Amino acid sequence: MSYQMKRYEDLDITDNFMFAKVFSNEDVAKDFLQDILKISIDKISVVAEATTQEDPFHKSVRFDVLVKEELPGTGRFFDIEMQMVDTGELPKRARYYQGMCDLDVLAKGVSYDELREQYILFICPDDIFGRDKPVYRFQNREESDPSILMGDLCYKNYYIFKKYREIKDNSIREYMQYFATQEHGSAKMKRIHDLVEQYRKDPITKKAYMTLEQELNIRYKKGRDEEKRELAKALRVQGKLTLEEIASVSGLTPEEIQAL
């Protein structure tokens, strides 16, 4: 068994690889952020292959599309994530992403009062909160008086694209409709769709995808091997099974189990 990815020819905008490739185009990301958030942005830069905390003592984060507004000093940060599977911990993941972005900025010598607005945007097919809303927007407020904002300048939004018909705002709805159906009637959606088609035909992009698939397969195998070892260790501690029986259950050889 291996980590299963889509055939390259079948990739669409909802695949993380293709989504990151298309939305790493600064004009696409800029239009999306302005349309979705109703803000004005002058100039942005997309952080290519954005990863934080790559050391053995911390959990690393790989952002789909990390965008920084280019302003004197510290501009706003935007993290755009396509999340097709409800893993049950997306709100906590958003909290971790916020912390990693802040830590990255503060590591450059910025004081707390210079931290700027940060937007973490999850695009999901299904309603992970189960409250039958097409869009959820969160920020920290005082519990007894919600009119009092904490003022930490961090915003976490979740867009449920299968519920695009319920979105009143035309700009937001057309993006969500494209994610749900790949219908591309407007000029902006056609530009996105054309980029998807362009990358599908690009041999360099295909090679990058195949390389990623190999890396994920290696990581998956390492994870499975670790699971086998942990299972074998637990069964040995219980002392109820022979080495041969543990080998049959775990998939390890008796020699490998003895060496644990």
C-alpha atoms as a PDB file:
ATOM      1  CA  MET A   1       0.000   0.000   0.000  1.00  0.00           C
ATOM      2  CA  SER A   2       1.233   3.538  -0.734  1.00  0.00           C
ATOM      3  CA  TYR A   3       0.191   7.154  -0.372  1.00  0.00           C
ATOM      4  CA  GLN A   4      -2.457   7.639  -3.055  1.00  0.00           C
ATOM      5  CA  MET A   5      -2.377  10.816  -5.149  1.00  0.00           C
ATOM      6  CA  LYS A   6      -4.499  11.642  -8.171  1.00  0.00           C
ATOM      7  CA  ARG A   7      -3.302  10.942 -11.667  1.00  0.00           C
ATOM      8  CA  TYR A   8      -1.581  14.084 -12.867  1.00  0.00           C
ATOM      9  CA  GLU A   9      -3.980  14.385 -15.812  1.00  0.00           C
ATOM     10  CA  ASP A  10      -6.930  14.414 -13.391  1.00  0.00           C
ATOM     11  CA  LEU A  11      -5.728  17.266 -11.189  1.00  0.00           C
ATOM     12  CA  ASP A  12      -8.130  20.160 -10.715  1.00  0.00           C
ATOM     13  CA  ILE A  13      -8.096  23.297  -8.597  1.00  0.00           C
ATOM     14  CA  THR A  14      -9.142  21.404  -5.447  1.00  0.00           C
ATOM     15  CA  ASP A  15      -5.920  19.378  -5.387  1.00  0.00           C
ATOM     16  CA  ASN A  16      -3.453  21.000  -2.983  1.00  0.00           C
ATOM     17  CA  PHE A  17      -0.592  20.811  -5.463  1.00  0.00           C
ATOM     18  CA  MET A  18      -2.564  22.463  -8.274  1.00  0.00           C
ATOM     19  CA  PHE A  19      -4.207  24.978  -5.951  1.00  0.00           C
ATOM     20  CA  ALA A  20      -0.828  26.091  -4.605  1.00  0.00           C
ATOM     21  CA  LYS A  21       0.605  26.270  -8.128  1.00  0.00           C
ATOM     22  CA  VAL A  22      -2.227  28.420  -9.502  1.00  0.00           C
ATOM     23  CA  PHE A  23      -2.664  30.692  -6.476  1.00  0.00           C
ATOM     24  CA  SER A  24       1.055  31.306  -6.233  1.00  0.00           C
ATOM     25  CA  ASN A  25       0.533  33.602  -9.212  1.00  0.00           C
ATOM     26  CA  GLU A  26       0.488  36.988  -7.532  1.00  0.00           C
ATOM     27  CA  ASP A  27      -2.270  38.464  -9.690  1.00  0.00           C
ATOM     28  CA  VAL A  28      -4.554  35.487  -8.948  1.00  0.00           C
ATOM     29  CA  ALA A  29      -3.834  35.610  -5.201  1.00  0.00           C
ATOM     30  CA  LYS A  30      -4.247  39.371  -5.051  1.00  0.00           C
ATOM     31  CA  ASP A  31      -7.612  39.363  -6.839  1.00  0.00           C
ATOM     32  CA  PHE A  32      -8.827  36.489  -4.679  1.00  0.00           C
ATOM     33  CA  LEU A  33      -7.896  38.197  -1.412  1.00  0.00           C
ATOM     34  CA  GLN A  34      -9.413  41.521  -2.433  1.00  0.00           C
ATOM     35  CA  ASP A  35     -12.635  39.867  -3.645  1.00  0.00           C
ATOM     36  CA  ILE A  36     -13.015  37.534  -0.675  1.00  0.00           C
ATOM     37  CA  LEU A  37     -12.001  39.883   2.127  1.00  0.00           C
ATOM     38  CA  LYS A  38     -13.248  43.174   0.629  1.00  0.00           C
ATOM     39  CA  ILE A  39      -9.964  44.912   1.265  1.00  0.00           C
ATOM     40  CA  SER A  40      -7.625  46.914  -0.936  1.00  0.00           C
ATOM     41  CA  ILE A  41      -4.132  45.570  -1.545  1.00  0.00           C
ATOM     42  CA  ASP A  42      -1.448  47.460  -3.419  1.00  0.00           C
ATOM     43  CA  LYS A  43       1.315  44.898  -3.853  1.00  0.00           C
ATOM     44  CA  ILE A  44       1.903  41.375  -2.563  1.00  0.00           C
ATOM     45  CA  SER A  45       4.530  38.675  -2.735  1.00  0.00           C
ATOM     46  CA  VAL A  46       3.854  34.955  -2.526  1.00  0.00           C
ATOM     47  CA  VAL A  47       6.280  33.050  -0.313  1.00  0.00           C
ATOM     48  CA  ALA A  48       7.341  30.128  -2.520  1.00  0.00           C
ATOM     49  CA  GLU A  49       7.444  26.668  -0.897  1.00  0.00           C
ATOM     50  CA  ALA A  50       6.586  28.269   2.440  1.00  0.00           C
ATOM     51  CA  THR A  51       7.631  26.091   5.343  1.00  0.00           C
ATOM     52  CA  THR A  52       8.343  27.083   8.946  1.00  0.00           C
ATOM     53  CA  GLN A  53      10.056  25.448  11.904  1.00  0.00           C
ATOM     54  CA  GLU A  54      12.131  22.945   9.961  1.00  0.00           C
ATOM     55  CA  ASP A  55      14.102  21.530  12.880  1.00  0.00           C
ATOM     56  CA  PRO A  56      13.910  18.243  14.810  1.00  0.00           C
ATOM     57  CA  PHE A  57      12.377  19.802  17.932  1.00  0.00           C
ATOM     58  CA  HIS A  58       9.278  21.444  16.413  1.00  0.00           C
ATOM     59  CA  LYS A  59       6.427  20.418  14.157  1.00  0.00           C
ATOM     60  CA  SER A  60       6.973  21.881  10.697  1.00  0.00           C
ATOM     61  CA  VAL A  61       4.244  23.636   8.736  1.00  0.00           C
ATOM     62  CA  ARG A  62       3.886  23.653   4.984  1.00  0.00           C
ATOM     63  CA  PHE A  63       1.502  26.384   3.859  1.00  0.00           C
ATOM     64  CA  ASP A  64      -0.506  25.979   0.641  1.00  0.00           C
ATOM     65  CA  VAL A  65      -0.228  29.665  -0.289  1.00  0.00           C
ATOM     66  CA  LEU A  66       1.436  32.146   2.061  1.00  0.00           C
ATOM     67  CA  VAL A  67       1.113  35.766   0.946  1.00  0.00           C
ATOM     68  CA  LYS A  68       2.776  38.866   2.349  1.00  0.00           C
ATOM     69  CA  GLU A  69       1.620  42.365   1.607  1.00  0.00           C
ATOM     70  CA  GLU A  70       4.526  44.528   0.510  1.00  0.00           C
ATOM     71  CA  LEU A  71       4.370  47.659   2.639  1.00  0.00           C
ATOM     72  CA  PRO A  72       7.010  49.721   4.429  1.00  0.00           C
ATOM     73  CA  GLY A  73       7.690  47.880   7.676  1.00  0.00           C
ATOM     74  CA  THR A  74       5.536  44.822   8.214  1.00  0.00           C
ATOM     75  CA  GLY A  75       2.607  44.223   5.856  1.00  0.00           C
ATOM     76  CA  ARG A  76      -0.376  41.971   6.357  1.00  0.00           C
ATOM     77  CA  PHE A  77      -0.007  38.189   6.104  1.00  0.00           C
ATOM     78  CA  PHE A  78      -2.472  35.881   4.345  1.00  0.00           C
ATOM     79  CA  ASP A  79      -2.472  32.097   4.523  1.00  0.00           C
ATOM     80  CA  ILE A  80      -4.789  30.428   1.983  1.00  0.00           C
ATOM     81  CA  GLU A  81      -5.435  26.702   2.495  1.00  0.00           C
ATOM     82  CA  MET A  82      -7.396  24.271   0.329  1.00  0.00           C
ATOM     83  CA  GLN A  83      -8.580  21.575   2.746  1.00  0.00           C
ATOM     84  CA  MET A  84     -10.544  18.762   1.110  1.00  0.00           C
ATOM     85  CA  VAL A  85     -10.657  16.420   4.128  1.00  0.00           C
ATOM     86  CA  ASP A  86     -12.121  17.277   7.525  1.00  0.00           C
ATOM     87  CA  THR A  87      -9.352  15.989   9.779  1.00  0.00           C
ATOM     88  CA  GLY A  88     -11.209  17.101  12.906  1.00  0.00           C
ATOM     89  CA  GLU A  89      -8.573  19.595  13.999  1.00  0.00           C
ATOM     90  CA  LEU A  90      -8.735  22.441  11.492  1.00  0.00           C
ATOM     91  CA  PRO A  91      -9.522  25.140  14.097  1.00  0.00           C
ATOM     92  CA  LYS A  92      -6.487  24.062  16.148  1.00  0.00           C
ATOM     93  CA  ARG A  93      -4.389  23.914  13.011  1.00  0.00           C
ATOM     94  CA  ALA A  94      -5.400  27.510  12.273  1.00  0.00           C
ATOM     95  CA  ARG A  95      -4.201  28.427  15.768  1.00  0.00           C
ATOM     96  CA  TYR A  96      -0.842  26.746  15.070  1.00  0.00           C
ATOM     97  CA  TYR A  97      -0.485  28.443  11.695  1.00  0.00           C
ATOM     98  CA  GLN A  98      -1.096  31.803  13.363  1.00  0.00           C
ATOM     99  CA  GLY A  99       1.619  31.110  15.893  1.00  0.00           C
ATOM    100  CA  MET A 100       4.120  30.014  13.254  1.00  0.00           C
ATOM    101  CA  CYS A 101       3.537  33.134  11.149  1.00  0.00           C
ATOM    102  CA  ASP A 102       3.932  35.376  14.206  1.00  0.00           C
ATOM    103  CA  LEU A 103       7.053  33.535  15.326  1.00  0.00           C
ATOM    104  CA  ASP A 104       8.583  33.932  11.874  1.00  0.00           C
ATOM    105  CA  VAL A 105       7.994  37.697  11.981  1.00  0.00           C
ATOM    106  CA  LEU A 106       9.170  38.127  15.569  1.00  0.00           C
ATOM    107  CA  ALA A 107      12.333  36.132  14.808  1.00  0.00           C
ATOM    108  CA  LYS A 108      13.341  38.961  12.491  1.00  0.00           C
ATOM    109  CA  GLY A 109      13.489  41.370  15.435  1.00  0.00           C
ATOM    110  CA  VAL A 110       9.991  42.864  15.174  1.00  0.00           C
ATOM    111  CA  SER A 111       8.421  43.990  18.456  1.00  0.00           C
ATOM    112  CA  TYR A 112       4.918  42.826  19.414  1.00  0.00           C
ATOM    113  CA  ASP A 113       3.296  46.169  18.652  1.00  0.00           C
ATOM    114  CA  GLU A 114       4.549  45.963  15.055  1.00  0.00           C
ATOM    115  CA  LEU A 115       2.669  42.748  14.281  1.00  0.00           C
ATOM    116  CA  ARG A 116       0.152  43.426  11.523  1.00  0.00           C
ATOM    117  CA  GLU A 117      -3.140  41.849  10.494  1.00  0.00           C
ATOM    118  CA  GLN A 118      -3.072  38.143   9.732  1.00  0.00           C
ATOM    119  CA  TYR A 119      -5.737  36.259   7.793  1.00  0.00           C
ATOM    120  CA  ILE A 120      -5.958  32.469   7.805  1.00  0.00           C
ATOM    121  CA  LEU A 121      -8.396  31.269   5.144  1.00  0.00           C
ATOM    122  CA  PHE A 122      -9.543  27.649   4.861  1.00  0.00           C
ATOM    123  CA  ILE A 123     -11.452  26.567   1.752  1.00  0.00           C
ATOM    124  CA  CYS A 124     -13.386  23.360   2.471  1.00  0.00           C
ATOM    125  CA  PRO A 125     -15.998  21.335   0.581  1.00  0.00           C
ATOM    126  CA  ASP A 126     -18.069  20.467   3.658  1.00  0.00           C
ATOM    127  CA  ASP A 127     -19.390  22.320   6.694  1.00  0.00           C
ATOM    128  CA  ILE A 128     -16.868  21.353   9.377  1.00  0.00           C
ATOM    129  CA  PHE A 129     -18.808  23.253  12.084  1.00  0.00           C
ATOM    130  CA  GLY A 130     -22.206  21.757  11.286  1.00  0.00           C
ATOM    131  CA  ARG A 131     -24.091  25.020  11.703  1.00  0.00           C
ATOM    132  CA  ASP A 132     -25.340  25.165   8.103  1.00  0.00           C
ATOM    133  CA  LYS A 133     -23.451  28.312   7.125  1.00  0.00           C
ATOM    134  CA  PRO A 134     -21.543  28.817   3.849  1.00  0.00           C
ATOM    135  CA  VAL A 135     -18.955  31.139   5.439  1.00  0.00           C
ATOM    136  CA  TYR A 136     -17.595  31.315   8.997  1.00  0.00           C
ATOM    137  CA  ARG A 137     -15.571  34.318  10.144  1.00  0.00           C
ATOM    138  CA  PHE A 138     -13.821  34.292  13.506  1.00  0.00           C
ATOM    139  CA  GLN A 139     -11.920  36.805  15.589  1.00  0.00           C
ATOM    140  CA  ASN A 140     -11.351  37.072  19.342  1.00  0.00           C
ATOM    141  CA  ARG A 141     -14.056  38.931  21.294  1.00  0.00           C
ATOM    142  CA  GLU A 142     -14.928  39.473  24.954  1.00  0.00           C
ATOM    143  CA  GLU A 143     -17.271  36.684  26.032  1.00  0.00           C
ATOM    144  CA  SER A 144     -19.918  38.713  27.879  1.00  0.00           C
ATOM    145  CA  ASP A 145     -19.787  41.661  25.485  1.00  0.00           C
ATOM    146  CA  PRO A 146     -18.964  40.599  21.879  1.00  0.00           C
ATOM    147  CA  SER A 147     -18.732  44.241  20.831  1.00  0.00           C
ATOM    148  CA  ILE A 148     -15.350  44.369  22.597  1.00  0.00           C
ATOM    149  CA  LEU A 149     -12.645  43.075  20.286  1.00  0.00           C
ATOM    150  CA  MET A 150      -9.419  41.695  21.703  1.00  0.00           C
ATOM    151  CA  GLY A 151      -7.519  43.530  18.972  1.00  0.00           C
ATOM    152  CA  ASP A 152      -4.959  40.824  18.193  1.00  0.00           C
ATOM    153  CA  LEU A 153      -5.541  41.466  14.458  1.00  0.00           C
ATOM    154  CA  CYS A 154      -5.895  37.789  13.582  1.00  0.00           C
ATOM    155  CA  TYR A 155      -8.840  36.620  11.478  1.00  0.00           C
ATOM    156  CA  LYS A 156      -9.714  33.009  10.719  1.00  0.00           C
ATOM    157  CA  ASN A 157     -12.258  32.375   7.963  1.00  0.00           C
ATOM    158  CA  TYR A 158     -13.699  29.107   6.647  1.00  0.00           C
ATOM    159  CA  TYR A 159     -15.426  28.982   3.248  1.00  0.00           C
ATOM    160  CA  ILE A 160     -17.663  25.979   2.510  1.00  0.00           C
ATOM    161  CA  PHE A 161     -17.626  25.801  -1.258  1.00  0.00           C
ATOM    162  CA  LYS A 162     -20.302  23.113  -1.691  1.00  0.00           C
ATOM    163  CA  LYS A 163     -22.736  25.640  -0.210  1.00  0.00           C
ATOM    164  CA  TYR A 164     -21.892  28.283  -2.830  1.00  0.00           C
ATOM    165  CA  ARG A 165     -25.551  28.741  -3.779  1.00  0.00           C
ATOM    166  CA  GLU A 166     -26.214  30.191  -0.314  1.00  0.00           C
ATOM    167  CA  ILE A 167     -23.503  32.858  -0.576  1.00  0.00           C
ATOM    168  CA  LYS A 168     -25.034  36.257  -1.297  1.00  0.00           C
ATOM    169  CA  ASP A 169     -21.853  38.061  -2.275  1.00  0.00           C
ATOM    170  CA  ASN A 170     -21.312  37.577  -6.020  1.00  0.00           C
ATOM    171  CA  SER A 171     -17.519  37.688  -5.920  1.00  0.00           C
ATOM    172  CA  ILE A 172     -17.205  35.113  -3.151  1.00  0.00           C
ATOM    173  CA  ARG A 173     -19.877  32.906  -4.712  1.00  0.00           C
ATOM    174  CA  GLU A 174     -18.175  32.691  -8.115  1.00  0.00           C
ATOM    175  CA  TYR A 175     -14.914  31.481  -6.554  1.00  0.00           C
ATOM    176  CA  MET A 176     -16.729  28.901  -4.438  1.00  0.00           C
ATOM    177  CA  GLN A 177     -18.801  27.806  -7.415  1.00  0.00           C
ATOM    178  CA  TYR A 178     -15.639  27.264  -9.435  1.00  0.00           C
ATOM    179  CA  PHE A 179     -14.087  25.195  -6.648  1.00  0.00           C
ATOM    180  CA  ALA A 180     -17.273  23.097  -6.473  1.00  0.00           C
ATOM    181  CA  THR A 181     -18.021  22.688 -10.185  1.00  0.00           C
ATOM    182  CA  GLN A 182     -15.057  24.005 -12.234  1.00  0.00           C
ATOM    183  CA  GLU A 183     -17.530  26.245 -14.074  1.00  0.00           C
ATOM    184  CA  HIS A 184     -15.599  29.274 -15.336  1.00  0.00           C
ATOM    185  CA  GLY A 185     -17.924  31.803 -16.915  1.00  0.00           C
ATOM    186  CA  SER A 186     -16.267  34.995 -15.683  1.00  0.00           C
ATOM    187  CA  ALA A 187     -12.909  36.333 -16.845  1.00  0.00           C
ATOM    188  CA  LYS A 188     -11.268  35.717 -13.451  1.00  0.00           C
ATOM    189  CA  MET A 189     -12.470  32.125 -13.233  1.00  0.00           C
ATOM    190  CA  LYS A 190     -11.418  31.480 -16.819  1.00  0.00           C
ATOM    191  CA  ARG A 191      -7.937  32.783 -16.003  1.00  0.00           C
ATOM    192  CA  ILE A 192      -7.719  30.329 -13.105  1.00  0.00           C
ATOM    193  CA  HIS A 193      -9.049  27.460 -15.210  1.00  0.00           C
ATOM    194  CA  ASP A 194      -6.642  28.266 -18.043  1.00  0.00           C
ATOM    195  CA  LEU A 195      -3.752  28.129 -15.581  1.00  0.00           C
ATOM    196  CA  VAL A 196      -4.909  24.705 -14.399  1.00  0.00           C
ATOM    197  CA  GLU A 197      -4.950  23.499 -18.017  1.00  0.00           C
ATOM    198  CA  GLN A 198      -1.575  25.099 -18.674  1.00  0.00           C
ATOM    199  CA  TYR A 199       0.064  23.386 -15.695  1.00  0.00           C
ATOM    200  CA  ARG A 200      -1.490  20.048 -16.636  1.00  0.00           C
ATOM    201  CA  LYS A 201       0.351  20.227 -19.967  1.00  0.00           C
ATOM    202  CA  ASP A 202       3.619  21.528 -18.543  1.00  0.00           C
ATOM    203  CA  PRO A 203       6.274  18.752 -18.272  1.00  0.00           C
ATOM    204  CA  ILE A 204       8.250  20.643 -15.607  1.00  0.00           C
ATOM    205  CA  THR A 205       5.179  20.961 -13.388  1.00  0.00           C
ATOM    206  CA  LYS A 206       4.347  17.297 -13.950  1.00  0.00           C
ATOM    207  CA  LYS A 207       7.876  16.319 -12.886  1.00  0.00           C
ATOM    208  CA  ALA A 208       7.512  18.404  -9.723  1.00  0.00           C
ATOM    209  CA  TYR A 209       4.243  16.634  -8.939  1.00  0.00           C
ATOM    210  CA  MET A 210       5.762  13.195  -9.487  1.00  0.00           C
ATOM    211  CA  THR A 211       8.692  14.130  -7.247  1.00  0.00           C
ATOM    212  CA  LEU A 212       6.245  15.215  -4.537  1.00  0.00           C
ATOM    213  CA  GLU A 213       4.388  11.916  -4.927  1.00  0.00           C
ATOM    214  CA  GLN A 214       7.630  10.008  -4.377  1.00  0.00           C
ATOM    215  CA  GLU A 215       8.434  12.068  -1.276  1.00  0.00           C
ATOM    216  CA  LEU A 216       4.982  11.460   0.182  1.00  0.00           C
ATOM    217  CA  ASN A 217       5.250   7.746  -0.527  1.00  0.00           C
ATOM    218  CA  ILE A 218       8.541   7.655   1.376  1.00  0.00           C
ATOM    219  CA  ARG A 219       7.007   9.562   4.308  1.00  0.00           C
ATOM    220  CA  TYR A 220       3.961   7.272   4.261  1.00  0.00           C
ATOM    221  CA  LYS A 221       6.174   4.165   4.317  1.00  0.00           C
ATOM    222  CA  LYS A 222       8.220   5.554   7.200  1.00  0.00           C
ATOM    223  CA  GLY A 223       5.016   6.267   9.102  1.00  0.00           C
ATOM    224  CA  ARG A 224       3.674   2.759   8.456  1.00  0.00           C
ATOM    225  CA  ASP A 225       6.962   1.180   9.531  1.00  0.00           C
ATOM    226  CA  GLU A 226       6.868   3.180  12.760  1.00  0.00           C
ATOM    227  CA  GLU A 227       3.284   2.041  13.398  1.00  0.00           C
ATOM    228  CA  LYS A 228       4.352  -1.587  12.939  1.00  0.00           C
ATOM    229  CA  ARG A 229       7.223  -1.174  15.393  1.00  0.00           C
ATOM    230  CA  GLU A 230       4.997   0.487  18.009  1.00  0.00           C
ATOM    231  CA  LEU A 231       2.414  -2.287  17.670  1.00  0.00           C
ATOM    232  CA  ALA A 232       5.057  -4.990  18.013  1.00  0.00           C
ATOM    233  CA  LYS A 233       6.535  -3.260  21.072  1.00  0.00           C
ATOM    234  CA  ALA A 234       3.127  -3.090  22.753  1.00  0.00           C
ATOM    235  CA  LEU A 235       2.392  -6.754  22.059  1.00  0.00           C
ATOM    236  CA  ARG A 236       5.779  -7.816  23.429  1.00  0.00           C
ATOM    237  CA  VAL A 237       5.181  -5.857  26.627  1.00  0.00           C
ATOM    238  CA  GLN A 238       1.844  -7.639  27.090  1.00  0.00           C
ATOM    239  CA  GLY A 239       3.687 -10.967  26.822  1.00  0.00           C
ATOM    240  CA  LYS A 240       0.623 -12.875  25.632  1.00  0.00           C
ATOM    241  CA  LEU A 241       1.827 -13.704  22.101  1.00  0.00           C
ATOM    242  CA  THR A 242       4.823 -15.535  20.716  1.00  0.00           C
ATOM    243  CA  LEU A 243       7.299 -13.776  18.422  1.00  0.00           C
ATOM    244  CA  GLU A 244       5.775 -15.611  15.467  1.00  0.00           C
ATOM    245  CA  GLU A 245       2.271 -14.467  16.395  1.00  0.00           C
ATOM    246  CA  ILE A 246       3.427 -10.870  16.843  1.00  0.00           C
ATOM    247  CA  ALA A 247       5.175 -11.084  13.484  1.00  0.00           C
ATOM    248  CA  SER A 248       1.958 -12.252  11.862  1.00  0.00           C
ATOM    249  CA  VAL A 249      -0.013  -9.356  13.377  1.00  0.00           C
ATOM    250  CA  SER A 250       2.552  -6.568  12.902  1.00  0.00           C
ATOM    251  CA  GLY A 251       4.116  -7.536   9.589  1.00  0.00           C
ATOM    252  CA  LEU A 252       7.645  -7.503  11.076  1.00  0.00           C
ATOM    253  CA  THR A 253       9.935 -10.510  11.139  1.00  0.00           C
ATOM    254  CA  PRO A 254      10.726 -12.270  14.448  1.00  0.00           C
ATOM    255  CA  GLU A 255      14.308 -10.979  14.094  1.00  0.00           C
ATOM    256  CA  GLU A 256      13.112  -7.394  13.724  1.00  0.00           C
ATOM    257  CA  ILE A 257      10.873  -7.782  16.757  1.00  0.00           C
ATOM    258  CA  GLN A 258      13.701  -9.158  18.875  1.00  0.00           C
ATOM    259  CA  ALA A 259      15.836  -6.159  17.938  1.00  0.00           C
ATOM    260  CA  LEU A 260      13.241  -3.635  19.193  1.00  0.00           C
END
